mmCIF file of all heavy atoms, coordinates in Angstrom:
data_MODEL
# 
_entry.id   MODEL 
# 
loop_
_atom_site.group_PDB 
_atom_site.id 
_atom_site.type_symbol 
_atom_site.label_atom_id 
_atom_site.label_alt_id 
_atom_site.label_comp_id 
_atom_site.label_asym_id 
_atom_site.label_entity_id 
_atom_site.label_seq_id 
_atom_site.pdbx_PDB_ins_code 
_atom_site.Cartn_x 
_atom_site.Cartn_y 
_atom_site.Cartn_z 
_atom_site.occupancy 
_atom_site.B_iso_or_equiv 
_atom_site.pdbx_formal_charge 
_atom_site.auth_seq_id 
_atom_site.auth_comp_id 
_atom_site.auth_asym_id 
_atom_site.auth_atom_id 
_atom_site.pdbx_PDB_model_num 
ATOM 1   N N   . PHE A 1 1  ? -62.056 -1.893  -69.780 1.00 0.00 ? 1  PHE A N   1 
ATOM 2   C CA  . PHE A 1 1  ? -60.792 -2.693  -69.434 1.00 0.00 ? 1  PHE A CA  1 
ATOM 3   C C   . PHE A 1 1  ? -60.596 -3.971  -70.200 1.00 0.00 ? 1  PHE A C   1 
ATOM 4   O O   . PHE A 1 1  ? -59.525 -4.470  -70.229 1.00 0.00 ? 1  PHE A O   1 
ATOM 5   C CB  . PHE A 1 1  ? -60.661 -2.848  -67.979 1.00 0.00 ? 1  PHE A CB  1 
ATOM 6   C CG  . PHE A 1 1  ? -60.756 -1.561  -67.149 1.00 0.00 ? 1  PHE A CG  1 
ATOM 7   C CD1 . PHE A 1 1  ? -61.858 -1.105  -66.499 1.00 0.00 ? 1  PHE A CD1 1 
ATOM 8   C CD2 . PHE A 1 1  ? -59.663 -0.724  -67.147 1.00 0.00 ? 1  PHE A CD2 1 
ATOM 9   C CE1 . PHE A 1 1  ? -62.004 -0.013  -65.778 1.00 0.00 ? 1  PHE A CE1 1 
ATOM 10  C CE2 . PHE A 1 1  ? -59.716 0.400   -66.425 1.00 0.00 ? 1  PHE A CE2 1 
ATOM 11  C CZ  . PHE A 1 1  ? -60.850 0.855   -65.703 1.00 0.00 ? 1  PHE A CZ  1 
ATOM 12  N N   . GLY A 1 2  ? -61.727 -4.384  -70.860 1.00 0.00 ? 2  GLY A N   1 
ATOM 13  C CA  . GLY A 1 2  ? -61.669 -5.688  -71.594 1.00 0.00 ? 2  GLY A CA  1 
ATOM 14  C C   . GLY A 1 2  ? -61.557 -6.907  -70.686 1.00 0.00 ? 2  GLY A C   1 
ATOM 15  O O   . GLY A 1 2  ? -61.128 -7.878  -71.160 1.00 0.00 ? 2  GLY A O   1 
ATOM 16  N N   . LEU A 1 3  ? -61.939 -6.751  -69.393 1.00 0.00 ? 3  LEU A N   1 
ATOM 17  C CA  . LEU A 1 3  ? -61.758 -7.851  -68.451 1.00 0.00 ? 3  LEU A CA  1 
ATOM 18  C C   . LEU A 1 3  ? -63.102 -8.125  -67.820 1.00 0.00 ? 3  LEU A C   1 
ATOM 19  O O   . LEU A 1 3  ? -63.941 -7.170  -67.540 1.00 0.00 ? 3  LEU A O   1 
ATOM 20  C CB  . LEU A 1 3  ? -60.710 -7.581  -67.393 1.00 0.00 ? 3  LEU A CB  1 
ATOM 21  C CG  . LEU A 1 3  ? -59.259 -7.462  -67.883 1.00 0.00 ? 3  LEU A CG  1 
ATOM 22  C CD1 . LEU A 1 3  ? -58.341 -6.999  -66.710 1.00 0.00 ? 3  LEU A CD1 1 
ATOM 23  C CD2 . LEU A 1 3  ? -58.706 -8.782  -68.484 1.00 0.00 ? 3  LEU A CD2 1 
ATOM 24  N N   . PHE A 1 4  ? -63.268 -9.369  -67.385 1.00 0.00 ? 4  PHE A N   1 
ATOM 25  C CA  . PHE A 1 4  ? -64.517 -9.760  -66.634 1.00 0.00 ? 4  PHE A CA  1 
ATOM 26  C C   . PHE A 1 4  ? -64.239 -9.535  -65.160 1.00 0.00 ? 4  PHE A C   1 
ATOM 27  O O   . PHE A 1 4  ? -63.351 -10.009 -64.488 1.00 0.00 ? 4  PHE A O   1 
ATOM 28  C CB  . PHE A 1 4  ? -64.765 -11.281 -66.926 1.00 0.00 ? 4  PHE A CB  1 
ATOM 29  C CG  . PHE A 1 4  ? -66.131 -11.633 -66.166 1.00 0.00 ? 4  PHE A CG  1 
ATOM 30  C CD1 . PHE A 1 4  ? -67.346 -11.358 -66.657 1.00 0.00 ? 4  PHE A CD1 1 
ATOM 31  C CD2 . PHE A 1 4  ? -65.935 -12.521 -65.000 1.00 0.00 ? 4  PHE A CD2 1 
ATOM 32  C CE1 . PHE A 1 4  ? -68.451 -11.809 -66.032 1.00 0.00 ? 4  PHE A CE1 1 
ATOM 33  C CE2 . PHE A 1 4  ? -67.131 -12.913 -64.445 1.00 0.00 ? 4  PHE A CE2 1 
ATOM 34  C CZ  . PHE A 1 4  ? -68.371 -12.629 -64.925 1.00 0.00 ? 4  PHE A CZ  1 
ATOM 35  N N   . PHE A 1 5  ? -65.047 -8.819  -64.488 1.00 0.00 ? 5  PHE A N   1 
ATOM 36  C CA  . PHE A 1 5  ? -65.042 -8.461  -63.054 1.00 0.00 ? 5  PHE A CA  1 
ATOM 37  C C   . PHE A 1 5  ? -65.792 -9.520  -62.294 1.00 0.00 ? 5  PHE A C   1 
ATOM 38  O O   . PHE A 1 5  ? -66.938 -10.040 -62.538 1.00 0.00 ? 5  PHE A O   1 
ATOM 39  C CB  . PHE A 1 5  ? -65.879 -7.081  -62.836 1.00 0.00 ? 5  PHE A CB  1 
ATOM 40  C CG  . PHE A 1 5  ? -65.814 -6.654  -61.433 1.00 0.00 ? 5  PHE A CG  1 
ATOM 41  C CD1 . PHE A 1 5  ? -64.812 -5.872  -60.951 1.00 0.00 ? 5  PHE A CD1 1 
ATOM 42  C CD2 . PHE A 1 5  ? -66.862 -7.025  -60.592 1.00 0.00 ? 5  PHE A CD2 1 
ATOM 43  C CE1 . PHE A 1 5  ? -64.711 -5.528  -59.711 1.00 0.00 ? 5  PHE A CE1 1 
ATOM 44  C CE2 . PHE A 1 5  ? -66.808 -6.605  -59.293 1.00 0.00 ? 5  PHE A CE2 1 
ATOM 45  C CZ  . PHE A 1 5  ? -65.701 -5.862  -58.792 1.00 0.00 ? 5  PHE A CZ  1 
ATOM 46  N N   . ASP A 1 6  ? -64.980 -10.222 -61.531 1.00 0.00 ? 6  ASP A N   1 
ATOM 47  C CA  . ASP A 1 6  ? -65.407 -11.432 -60.887 1.00 0.00 ? 6  ASP A CA  1 
ATOM 48  C C   . ASP A 1 6  ? -65.231 -11.393 -59.304 1.00 0.00 ? 6  ASP A C   1 
ATOM 49  O O   . ASP A 1 6  ? -65.129 -12.526 -58.754 1.00 0.00 ? 6  ASP A O   1 
ATOM 50  C CB  . ASP A 1 6  ? -64.604 -12.613 -61.489 1.00 0.00 ? 6  ASP A CB  1 
ATOM 51  C CG  . ASP A 1 6  ? -63.201 -12.511 -61.214 1.00 0.00 ? 6  ASP A CG  1 
ATOM 52  O OD1 . ASP A 1 6  ? -62.619 -11.495 -60.824 1.00 0.00 ? 6  ASP A OD1 1 
ATOM 53  O OD2 . ASP A 1 6  ? -62.529 -13.625 -61.501 1.00 0.00 ? 6  ASP A OD2 1 
ATOM 54  N N   . ILE A 1 7  ? -65.174 -10.322 -58.771 1.00 0.00 ? 7  ILE A N   1 
ATOM 55  C CA  . ILE A 1 7  ? -65.195 -10.214 -57.260 1.00 0.00 ? 7  ILE A CA  1 
ATOM 56  C C   . ILE A 1 7  ? -66.455 -9.806  -56.625 1.00 0.00 ? 7  ILE A C   1 
ATOM 57  O O   . ILE A 1 7  ? -67.150 -9.088  -57.330 1.00 0.00 ? 7  ILE A O   1 
ATOM 58  C CB  . ILE A 1 7  ? -63.924 -9.409  -56.754 1.00 0.00 ? 7  ILE A CB  1 
ATOM 59  C CG1 . ILE A 1 7  ? -64.059 -8.008  -57.132 1.00 0.00 ? 7  ILE A CG1 1 
ATOM 60  C CG2 . ILE A 1 7  ? -62.638 -10.007 -57.234 1.00 0.00 ? 7  ILE A CG2 1 
ATOM 61  C CD1 . ILE A 1 7  ? -62.914 -7.173  -56.619 1.00 0.00 ? 7  ILE A CD1 1 
ATOM 62  N N   . PRO A 1 8  ? -66.711 -10.136 -55.388 1.00 0.00 ? 8  PRO A N   1 
ATOM 63  C CA  . PRO A 1 8  ? -68.010 -9.673  -54.874 1.00 0.00 ? 8  PRO A CA  1 
ATOM 64  C C   . PRO A 1 8  ? -68.125 -8.146  -54.737 1.00 0.00 ? 8  PRO A C   1 
ATOM 65  O O   . PRO A 1 8  ? -67.152 -7.457  -54.596 1.00 0.00 ? 8  PRO A O   1 
ATOM 66  C CB  . PRO A 1 8  ? -68.009 -10.273 -53.389 1.00 0.00 ? 8  PRO A CB  1 
ATOM 67  C CG  . PRO A 1 8  ? -66.988 -11.333 -53.462 1.00 0.00 ? 8  PRO A CG  1 
ATOM 68  C CD  . PRO A 1 8  ? -66.006 -11.056 -54.496 1.00 0.00 ? 8  PRO A CD  1 
ATOM 69  N N   . VAL A 1 9  ? -69.315 -7.615  -54.704 1.00 0.00 ? 9  VAL A N   1 
ATOM 70  C CA  . VAL A 1 9  ? -69.684 -6.196  -54.616 1.00 0.00 ? 9  VAL A CA  1 
ATOM 71  C C   . VAL A 1 9  ? -70.524 -6.203  -53.320 1.00 0.00 ? 9  VAL A C   1 
ATOM 72  O O   . VAL A 1 9  ? -71.595 -6.844  -53.231 1.00 0.00 ? 9  VAL A O   1 
ATOM 73  C CB  . VAL A 1 9  ? -70.431 -5.696  -55.667 1.00 0.00 ? 9  VAL A CB  1 
ATOM 74  C CG1 . VAL A 1 9  ? -70.817 -4.284  -55.432 1.00 0.00 ? 9  VAL A CG1 1 
ATOM 75  C CG2 . VAL A 1 9  ? -69.594 -5.736  -57.109 1.00 0.00 ? 9  VAL A CG2 1 
ATOM 76  N N   . VAL A 1 10 ? -70.152 -5.350  -52.360 1.00 0.00 ? 10 VAL A N   1 
ATOM 77  C CA  . VAL A 1 10 ? -70.796 -5.210  -51.059 1.00 0.00 ? 10 VAL A CA  1 
ATOM 78  C C   . VAL A 1 10 ? -71.221 -3.718  -50.973 1.00 0.00 ? 10 VAL A C   1 
ATOM 79  O O   . VAL A 1 10 ? -70.497 -2.817  -51.210 1.00 0.00 ? 10 VAL A O   1 
ATOM 80  C CB  . VAL A 1 10 ? -69.833 -5.532  -49.975 1.00 0.00 ? 10 VAL A CB  1 
ATOM 81  C CG1 . VAL A 1 10 ? -70.636 -5.301  -48.568 1.00 0.00 ? 10 VAL A CG1 1 
ATOM 82  C CG2 . VAL A 1 10 ? -69.406 -6.868  -50.097 1.00 0.00 ? 10 VAL A CG2 1 
ATOM 83  N N   . ILE A 1 11 ? -72.502 -3.464  -50.643 1.00 0.00 ? 11 ILE A N   1 
ATOM 84  C CA  . ILE A 1 11 ? -72.967 -2.199  -50.337 1.00 0.00 ? 11 ILE A CA  1 
ATOM 85  C C   . ILE A 1 11 ? -72.814 -1.987  -48.749 1.00 0.00 ? 11 ILE A C   1 
ATOM 86  O O   . ILE A 1 11 ? -73.369 -2.690  -47.996 1.00 0.00 ? 11 ILE A O   1 
ATOM 87  C CB  . ILE A 1 11 ? -74.577 -1.937  -50.557 1.00 0.00 ? 11 ILE A CB  1 
ATOM 88  C CG1 . ILE A 1 11 ? -74.805 -2.299  -52.094 1.00 0.00 ? 11 ILE A CG1 1 
ATOM 89  C CG2 . ILE A 1 11 ? -75.047 -0.534  -50.212 1.00 0.00 ? 11 ILE A CG2 1 
ATOM 90  C CD1 . ILE A 1 11 ? -74.038 -1.456  -53.119 1.00 0.00 ? 11 ILE A CD1 1 
ATOM 91  N N   . ASN A 1 12 ? -71.812 -1.062  -48.299 1.00 0.00 ? 12 ASN A N   1 
ATOM 92  C CA  . ASN A 1 12 ? -71.428 -0.997  -47.052 1.00 0.00 ? 12 ASN A CA  1 
ATOM 93  C C   . ASN A 1 12 ? -71.899 0.326   -46.395 1.00 0.00 ? 12 ASN A C   1 
ATOM 94  O O   . ASN A 1 12 ? -71.368 1.307   -46.536 1.00 0.00 ? 12 ASN A O   1 
ATOM 95  C CB  . ASN A 1 12 ? -69.820 -1.027  -46.906 1.00 0.00 ? 12 ASN A CB  1 
ATOM 96  C CG  . ASN A 1 12 ? -69.393 -1.045  -45.495 1.00 0.00 ? 12 ASN A CG  1 
ATOM 97  O OD1 . ASN A 1 12 ? -70.150 -0.833  -44.594 1.00 0.00 ? 12 ASN A OD1 1 
ATOM 98  N ND2 . ASN A 1 12 ? -67.981 -1.457  -45.468 1.00 0.00 ? 12 ASN A ND2 1 
ATOM 99  N N   . PRO A 1 13 ? -73.043 0.280   -45.514 1.00 0.00 ? 13 PRO A N   1 
ATOM 100 C CA  . PRO A 1 13 ? -73.457 1.488   -44.961 1.00 0.00 ? 13 PRO A CA  1 
ATOM 101 C C   . PRO A 1 13 ? -72.490 2.212   -44.021 1.00 0.00 ? 13 PRO A C   1 
ATOM 102 O O   . PRO A 1 13 ? -72.678 3.272   -43.623 1.00 0.00 ? 13 PRO A O   1 
ATOM 103 C CB  . PRO A 1 13 ? -74.761 0.973   -44.217 1.00 0.00 ? 13 PRO A CB  1 
ATOM 104 C CG  . PRO A 1 13 ? -74.602 -0.453  -44.037 1.00 0.00 ? 13 PRO A CG  1 
ATOM 105 C CD  . PRO A 1 13 ? -73.669 -0.925  -45.113 1.00 0.00 ? 13 PRO A CD  1 
ATOM 106 N N   . ARG A 1 14 ? -71.444 1.427   -43.626 1.00 0.00 ? 14 ARG A N   1 
ATOM 107 C CA  . ARG A 1 14 ? -70.458 2.201   -42.756 1.00 0.00 ? 14 ARG A CA  1 
ATOM 108 C C   . ARG A 1 14 ? -69.627 3.146   -43.526 1.00 0.00 ? 14 ARG A C   1 
ATOM 109 O O   . ARG A 1 14 ? -68.799 3.912   -42.844 1.00 0.00 ? 14 ARG A O   1 
ATOM 110 C CB  . ARG A 1 14 ? -69.626 1.078   -42.103 1.00 0.00 ? 14 ARG A CB  1 
ATOM 111 C CG  . ARG A 1 14 ? -70.402 0.283   -41.059 1.00 0.00 ? 14 ARG A CG  1 
ATOM 112 C CD  . ARG A 1 14 ? -69.558 -0.826  -40.532 1.00 0.00 ? 14 ARG A CD  1 
ATOM 113 N NE  . ARG A 1 14 ? -68.823 -1.425  -41.617 1.00 0.00 ? 14 ARG A NE  1 
ATOM 114 C CZ  . ARG A 1 14 ? -68.267 -2.644  -41.673 1.00 0.00 ? 14 ARG A CZ  1 
ATOM 115 N NH1 . ARG A 1 14 ? -68.333 -3.386  -40.525 1.00 0.00 ? 14 ARG A NH1 1 
ATOM 116 N NH2 . ARG A 1 14 ? -67.689 -3.152  -42.714 1.00 0.00 ? 14 ARG A NH2 1 
ATOM 117 N N   . LEU A 1 15 ? -69.603 3.159   -44.800 1.00 0.00 ? 15 LEU A N   1 
ATOM 118 C CA  . LEU A 1 15 ? -68.773 3.993   -45.608 1.00 0.00 ? 15 LEU A CA  1 
ATOM 119 C C   . LEU A 1 15 ? -69.388 5.464   -45.505 1.00 0.00 ? 15 LEU A C   1 
ATOM 120 O O   . LEU A 1 15 ? -70.434 5.640   -46.260 1.00 0.00 ? 15 LEU A O   1 
ATOM 121 C CB  . LEU A 1 15 ? -68.552 3.577   -47.071 1.00 0.00 ? 15 LEU A CB  1 
ATOM 122 C CG  . LEU A 1 15 ? -67.764 2.254   -47.235 1.00 0.00 ? 15 LEU A CG  1 
ATOM 123 C CD1 . LEU A 1 15 ? -67.717 1.940   -48.745 1.00 0.00 ? 15 LEU A CD1 1 
ATOM 124 C CD2 . LEU A 1 15 ? -66.457 2.322   -46.584 1.00 0.00 ? 15 LEU A CD2 1 
ATOM 125 N N   . LYS A 1 16 ? -68.764 6.387   -44.777 1.00 0.00 ? 16 LYS A N   1 
ATOM 126 C CA  . LYS A 1 16 ? -69.367 7.617   -44.646 1.00 0.00 ? 16 LYS A CA  1 
ATOM 127 C C   . LYS A 1 16 ? -68.465 8.680   -45.352 1.00 0.00 ? 16 LYS A C   1 
ATOM 128 O O   . LYS A 1 16 ? -69.051 9.539   -45.971 1.00 0.00 ? 16 LYS A O   1 
ATOM 129 C CB  . LYS A 1 16 ? -69.593 8.103   -43.267 1.00 0.00 ? 16 LYS A CB  1 
ATOM 130 C CG  . LYS A 1 16 ? -70.311 7.123   -42.344 1.00 0.00 ? 16 LYS A CG  1 
ATOM 131 C CD  . LYS A 1 16 ? -71.885 7.223   -42.738 1.00 0.00 ? 16 LYS A CD  1 
ATOM 132 C CE  . LYS A 1 16 ? -72.705 6.232   -41.763 1.00 0.00 ? 16 LYS A CE  1 
ATOM 133 N NZ  . LYS A 1 16 ? -73.908 6.020   -42.395 1.00 0.00 ? 16 LYS A NZ  1 
ATOM 134 N N   . ARG A 1 17 ? -67.197 8.476   -45.235 1.00 0.00 ? 17 ARG A N   1 
ATOM 135 C CA  . ARG A 1 17 ? -66.257 9.518   -45.817 1.00 0.00 ? 17 ARG A CA  1 
ATOM 136 C C   . ARG A 1 17 ? -65.739 9.046   -47.187 1.00 0.00 ? 17 ARG A C   1 
ATOM 137 O O   . ARG A 1 17 ? -65.191 9.881   -47.844 1.00 0.00 ? 17 ARG A O   1 
ATOM 138 C CB  . ARG A 1 17 ? -65.044 9.654   -44.806 1.00 0.00 ? 17 ARG A CB  1 
ATOM 139 C CG  . ARG A 1 17 ? -65.423 10.226  -43.589 1.00 0.00 ? 17 ARG A CG  1 
ATOM 140 C CD  . ARG A 1 17 ? -64.209 10.621  -42.780 1.00 0.00 ? 17 ARG A CD  1 
ATOM 141 N NE  . ARG A 1 17 ? -64.453 10.997  -41.441 1.00 0.00 ? 17 ARG A NE  1 
ATOM 142 C CZ  . ARG A 1 17 ? -63.582 11.311  -40.516 1.00 0.00 ? 17 ARG A CZ  1 
ATOM 143 N NH1 . ARG A 1 17 ? -62.377 11.392  -40.905 1.00 0.00 ? 17 ARG A NH1 1 
ATOM 144 N NH2 . ARG A 1 17 ? -63.993 11.671  -39.367 1.00 0.00 ? 17 ARG A NH2 1 
ATOM 145 N N   . THR A 1 18 ? -65.925 7.868   -47.541 1.00 0.00 ? 18 THR A N   1 
ATOM 146 C CA  . THR A 1 18 ? -65.439 7.395   -48.871 1.00 0.00 ? 18 THR A CA  1 
ATOM 147 C C   . THR A 1 18 ? -66.714 6.826   -49.593 1.00 0.00 ? 18 THR A C   1 
ATOM 148 O O   . THR A 1 18 ? -67.615 6.310   -48.978 1.00 0.00 ? 18 THR A O   1 
ATOM 149 C CB  . THR A 1 18 ? -64.394 6.329   -48.644 1.00 0.00 ? 18 THR A CB  1 
ATOM 150 O OG1 . THR A 1 18 ? -63.829 6.036   -49.995 1.00 0.00 ? 18 THR A OG1 1 
ATOM 151 C CG2 . THR A 1 18 ? -64.873 5.093   -48.056 1.00 0.00 ? 18 THR A CG2 1 
ATOM 152 N N   . LEU A 1 19 ? -66.570 6.988   -50.945 1.00 0.00 ? 19 LEU A N   1 
ATOM 153 C CA  . LEU A 1 19 ? -67.668 6.552   -51.692 1.00 0.00 ? 19 LEU A CA  1 
ATOM 154 C C   . LEU A 1 19 ? -67.585 5.096   -52.171 1.00 0.00 ? 19 LEU A C   1 
ATOM 155 O O   . LEU A 1 19 ? -68.636 4.397   -52.332 1.00 0.00 ? 19 LEU A O   1 
ATOM 156 C CB  . LEU A 1 19 ? -67.816 7.433   -52.940 1.00 0.00 ? 19 LEU A CB  1 
ATOM 157 C CG  . LEU A 1 19 ? -68.089 8.830   -52.642 1.00 0.00 ? 19 LEU A CG  1 
ATOM 158 C CD1 . LEU A 1 19 ? -68.066 9.678   -53.978 1.00 0.00 ? 19 LEU A CD1 1 
ATOM 159 C CD2 . LEU A 1 19 ? -69.276 9.167   -51.907 1.00 0.00 ? 19 LEU A CD2 1 
ATOM 160 N N   . GLY A 1 20 ? -66.346 4.575   -52.205 1.00 0.00 ? 20 GLY A N   1 
ATOM 161 C CA  . GLY A 1 20 ? -66.130 3.172   -52.574 1.00 0.00 ? 20 GLY A CA  1 
ATOM 162 C C   . GLY A 1 20 ? -64.619 2.924   -52.254 1.00 0.00 ? 20 GLY A C   1 
ATOM 163 O O   . GLY A 1 20 ? -63.757 3.739   -51.986 1.00 0.00 ? 20 GLY A O   1 
ATOM 164 N N   . ARG A 1 21 ? -64.420 1.539   -52.279 1.00 0.00 ? 21 ARG A N   1 
ATOM 165 C CA  . ARG A 1 21 ? -63.066 1.062   -52.056 1.00 0.00 ? 21 ARG A CA  1 
ATOM 166 C C   . ARG A 1 21 ? -63.050 -0.390  -52.483 1.00 0.00 ? 21 ARG A C   1 
ATOM 167 O O   . ARG A 1 21 ? -63.996 -1.158  -52.603 1.00 0.00 ? 21 ARG A O   1 
ATOM 168 C CB  . ARG A 1 21 ? -62.680 1.215   -50.551 1.00 0.00 ? 21 ARG A CB  1 
ATOM 169 C CG  . ARG A 1 21 ? -63.420 0.272   -49.572 1.00 0.00 ? 21 ARG A CG  1 
ATOM 170 C CD  . ARG A 1 21 ? -63.053 0.406   -48.286 1.00 0.00 ? 21 ARG A CD  1 
ATOM 171 N NE  . ARG A 1 21 ? -63.819 -0.273  -47.309 1.00 0.00 ? 21 ARG A NE  1 
ATOM 172 C CZ  . ARG A 1 21 ? -63.759 -0.179  -46.055 1.00 0.00 ? 21 ARG A CZ  1 
ATOM 173 N NH1 . ARG A 1 21 ? -62.985 0.608   -45.377 1.00 0.00 ? 21 ARG A NH1 1 
ATOM 174 N NH2 . ARG A 1 21 ? -64.449 -0.936  -45.264 1.00 0.00 ? 21 ARG A NH2 1 
ATOM 175 N N   . ILE A 1 22 ? -61.722 -0.703  -52.855 1.00 0.00 ? 22 ILE A N   1 
ATOM 176 C CA  . ILE A 1 22 ? -61.412 -2.145  -53.188 1.00 0.00 ? 22 ILE A CA  1 
ATOM 177 C C   . ILE A 1 22 ? -60.746 -2.753  -52.072 1.00 0.00 ? 22 ILE A C   1 
ATOM 178 O O   . ILE A 1 22 ? -59.838 -2.127  -51.457 1.00 0.00 ? 22 ILE A O   1 
ATOM 179 C CB  . ILE A 1 22 ? -60.438 -2.186  -54.417 1.00 0.00 ? 22 ILE A CB  1 
ATOM 180 C CG1 . ILE A 1 22 ? -61.153 -1.788  -55.651 1.00 0.00 ? 22 ILE A CG1 1 
ATOM 181 C CG2 . ILE A 1 22 ? -59.926 -3.636  -54.638 1.00 0.00 ? 22 ILE A CG2 1 
ATOM 182 C CD1 . ILE A 1 22 ? -62.276 -2.761  -56.224 1.00 0.00 ? 22 ILE A CD1 1 
ATOM 183 N N   . ILE A 1 23 ? -61.292 -3.844  -51.512 1.00 0.00 ? 23 ILE A N   1 
ATOM 184 C CA  . ILE A 1 23 ? -60.533 -4.629  -50.436 1.00 0.00 ? 23 ILE A CA  1 
ATOM 185 C C   . ILE A 1 23 ? -59.616 -5.583  -51.125 1.00 0.00 ? 23 ILE A C   1 
ATOM 186 O O   . ILE A 1 23 ? -59.977 -6.344  -51.941 1.00 0.00 ? 23 ILE A O   1 
ATOM 187 C CB  . ILE A 1 23 ? -61.667 -5.322  -49.505 1.00 0.00 ? 23 ILE A CB  1 
ATOM 188 C CG1 . ILE A 1 23 ? -62.706 -4.359  -48.962 1.00 0.00 ? 23 ILE A CG1 1 
ATOM 189 C CG2 . ILE A 1 23 ? -60.881 -6.069  -48.447 1.00 0.00 ? 23 ILE A CG2 1 
ATOM 190 C CD1 . ILE A 1 23 ? -62.090 -3.189  -48.076 1.00 0.00 ? 23 ILE A CD1 1 
ATOM 191 N N   . TYR A 1 24 ? -58.344 -5.520  -50.581 1.00 0.00 ? 24 TYR A N   1 
ATOM 192 C CA  . TYR A 1 24 ? -57.380 -6.599  -51.293 1.00 0.00 ? 24 TYR A CA  1 
ATOM 193 C C   . TYR A 1 24 ? -56.585 -7.136  -50.190 1.00 0.00 ? 24 TYR A C   1 
ATOM 194 O O   . TYR A 1 24 ? -56.496 -6.764  -49.054 1.00 0.00 ? 24 TYR A O   1 
ATOM 195 C CB  . TYR A 1 24 ? -56.511 -5.773  -52.256 1.00 0.00 ? 24 TYR A CB  1 
ATOM 196 C CG  . TYR A 1 24 ? -55.633 -4.717  -51.833 1.00 0.00 ? 24 TYR A CG  1 
ATOM 197 C CD1 . TYR A 1 24 ? -54.337 -4.949  -51.412 1.00 0.00 ? 24 TYR A CD1 1 
ATOM 198 C CD2 . TYR A 1 24 ? -56.102 -3.487  -51.632 1.00 0.00 ? 24 TYR A CD2 1 
ATOM 199 C CE1 . TYR A 1 24 ? -53.531 -3.988  -50.921 1.00 0.00 ? 24 TYR A CE1 1 
ATOM 200 C CE2 . TYR A 1 24 ? -55.363 -2.437  -51.061 1.00 0.00 ? 24 TYR A CE2 1 
ATOM 201 C CZ  . TYR A 1 24 ? -54.006 -2.679  -50.702 1.00 0.00 ? 24 TYR A CZ  1 
ATOM 202 O OH  . TYR A 1 24 ? -53.281 -1.762  -50.204 1.00 0.00 ? 24 TYR A OH  1 
ATOM 203 N N   . ARG A 1 25 ? -55.913 -8.177  -50.563 1.00 0.00 ? 25 ARG A N   1 
ATOM 204 C CA  . ARG A 1 25 ? -54.883 -8.885  -49.674 1.00 0.00 ? 25 ARG A CA  1 
ATOM 205 C C   . ARG A 1 25 ? -53.548 -8.799  -50.396 1.00 0.00 ? 25 ARG A C   1 
ATOM 206 O O   . ARG A 1 25 ? -53.422 -8.712  -51.676 1.00 0.00 ? 25 ARG A O   1 
ATOM 207 C CB  . ARG A 1 25 ? -55.340 -10.282 -49.412 1.00 0.00 ? 25 ARG A CB  1 
ATOM 208 C CG  . ARG A 1 25 ? -55.289 -11.283 -50.537 1.00 0.00 ? 25 ARG A CG  1 
ATOM 209 C CD  . ARG A 1 25 ? -55.794 -12.652 -50.050 1.00 0.00 ? 25 ARG A CD  1 
ATOM 210 N NE  . ARG A 1 25 ? -56.254 -13.486 -51.102 1.00 0.00 ? 25 ARG A NE  1 
ATOM 211 C CZ  . ARG A 1 25 ? -55.382 -14.207 -51.841 1.00 0.00 ? 25 ARG A CZ  1 
ATOM 212 N NH1 . ARG A 1 25 ? -54.093 -14.221 -51.651 1.00 0.00 ? 25 ARG A NH1 1 
ATOM 213 N NH2 . ARG A 1 25 ? -55.889 -14.883 -52.910 1.00 0.00 ? 25 ARG A NH2 1 
ATOM 214 N N   . LYS A 1 26 ? -52.482 -8.602  -49.542 1.00 0.00 ? 26 LYS A N   1 
ATOM 215 C CA  . LYS A 1 26 ? -51.220 -8.460  -50.009 1.00 0.00 ? 26 LYS A CA  1 
ATOM 216 C C   . LYS A 1 26 ? -50.398 -9.728  -49.722 1.00 0.00 ? 26 LYS A C   1 
ATOM 217 O O   . LYS A 1 26 ? -50.445 -10.223 -48.578 1.00 0.00 ? 26 LYS A O   1 
ATOM 218 C CB  . LYS A 1 26 ? -50.509 -7.256  -49.421 1.00 0.00 ? 26 LYS A CB  1 
ATOM 219 C CG  . LYS A 1 26 ? -49.241 -6.728  -49.954 1.00 0.00 ? 26 LYS A CG  1 
ATOM 220 C CD  . LYS A 1 26 ? -48.852 -5.459  -49.417 1.00 0.00 ? 26 LYS A CD  1 
ATOM 221 C CE  . LYS A 1 26 ? -47.602 -4.933  -50.107 1.00 0.00 ? 26 LYS A CE  1 
ATOM 222 N NZ  . LYS A 1 26 ? -47.270 -3.565  -49.595 1.00 0.00 ? 26 LYS A NZ  1 
ATOM 223 N N   . THR A 1 27 ? -49.741 -10.301 -50.722 1.00 0.00 ? 27 THR A N   1 
ATOM 224 C CA  . THR A 1 27 ? -48.911 -11.459 -50.624 1.00 0.00 ? 27 THR A CA  1 
ATOM 225 C C   . THR A 1 27 ? -47.545 -11.179 -51.180 1.00 0.00 ? 27 THR A C   1 
ATOM 226 O O   . THR A 1 27 ? -47.278 -10.135 -51.793 1.00 0.00 ? 27 THR A O   1 
ATOM 227 C CB  . THR A 1 27 ? -49.486 -12.679 -51.250 1.00 0.00 ? 27 THR A CB  1 
ATOM 228 O OG1 . THR A 1 27 ? -49.428 -12.450 -52.648 1.00 0.00 ? 27 THR A OG1 1 
ATOM 229 C CG2 . THR A 1 27 ? -50.985 -12.879 -50.814 1.00 0.00 ? 27 THR A CG2 1 
ATOM 230 N N   . LYS A 1 28 ? -46.661 -12.211 -51.124 1.00 0.00 ? 28 LYS A N   1 
ATOM 231 C CA  . LYS A 1 28 ? -45.376 -12.019 -51.703 1.00 0.00 ? 28 LYS A CA  1 
ATOM 232 C C   . LYS A 1 28 ? -45.486 -11.875 -53.249 1.00 0.00 ? 28 LYS A C   1 
ATOM 233 O O   . LYS A 1 28 ? -44.633 -11.219 -53.911 1.00 0.00 ? 28 LYS A O   1 
ATOM 234 C CB  . LYS A 1 28 ? -44.492 -13.271 -51.497 1.00 0.00 ? 28 LYS A CB  1 
ATOM 235 C CG  . LYS A 1 28 ? -44.083 -13.482 -50.062 1.00 0.00 ? 28 LYS A CG  1 
ATOM 236 C CD  . LYS A 1 28 ? -43.284 -14.741 -49.882 1.00 0.00 ? 28 LYS A CD  1 
ATOM 237 C CE  . LYS A 1 28 ? -43.347 -15.212 -48.460 1.00 0.00 ? 28 LYS A CE  1 
ATOM 238 N NZ  . LYS A 1 28 ? -42.715 -16.473 -48.303 1.00 0.00 ? 28 LYS A NZ  1 
# 
């Protein structure tokens, strides 16, 4: 993608049905 990835990465043991996800916030 040619971009620097700069957000935290969390290993979440509660993820059972999904392998990964991006947590985001929605604003205007």
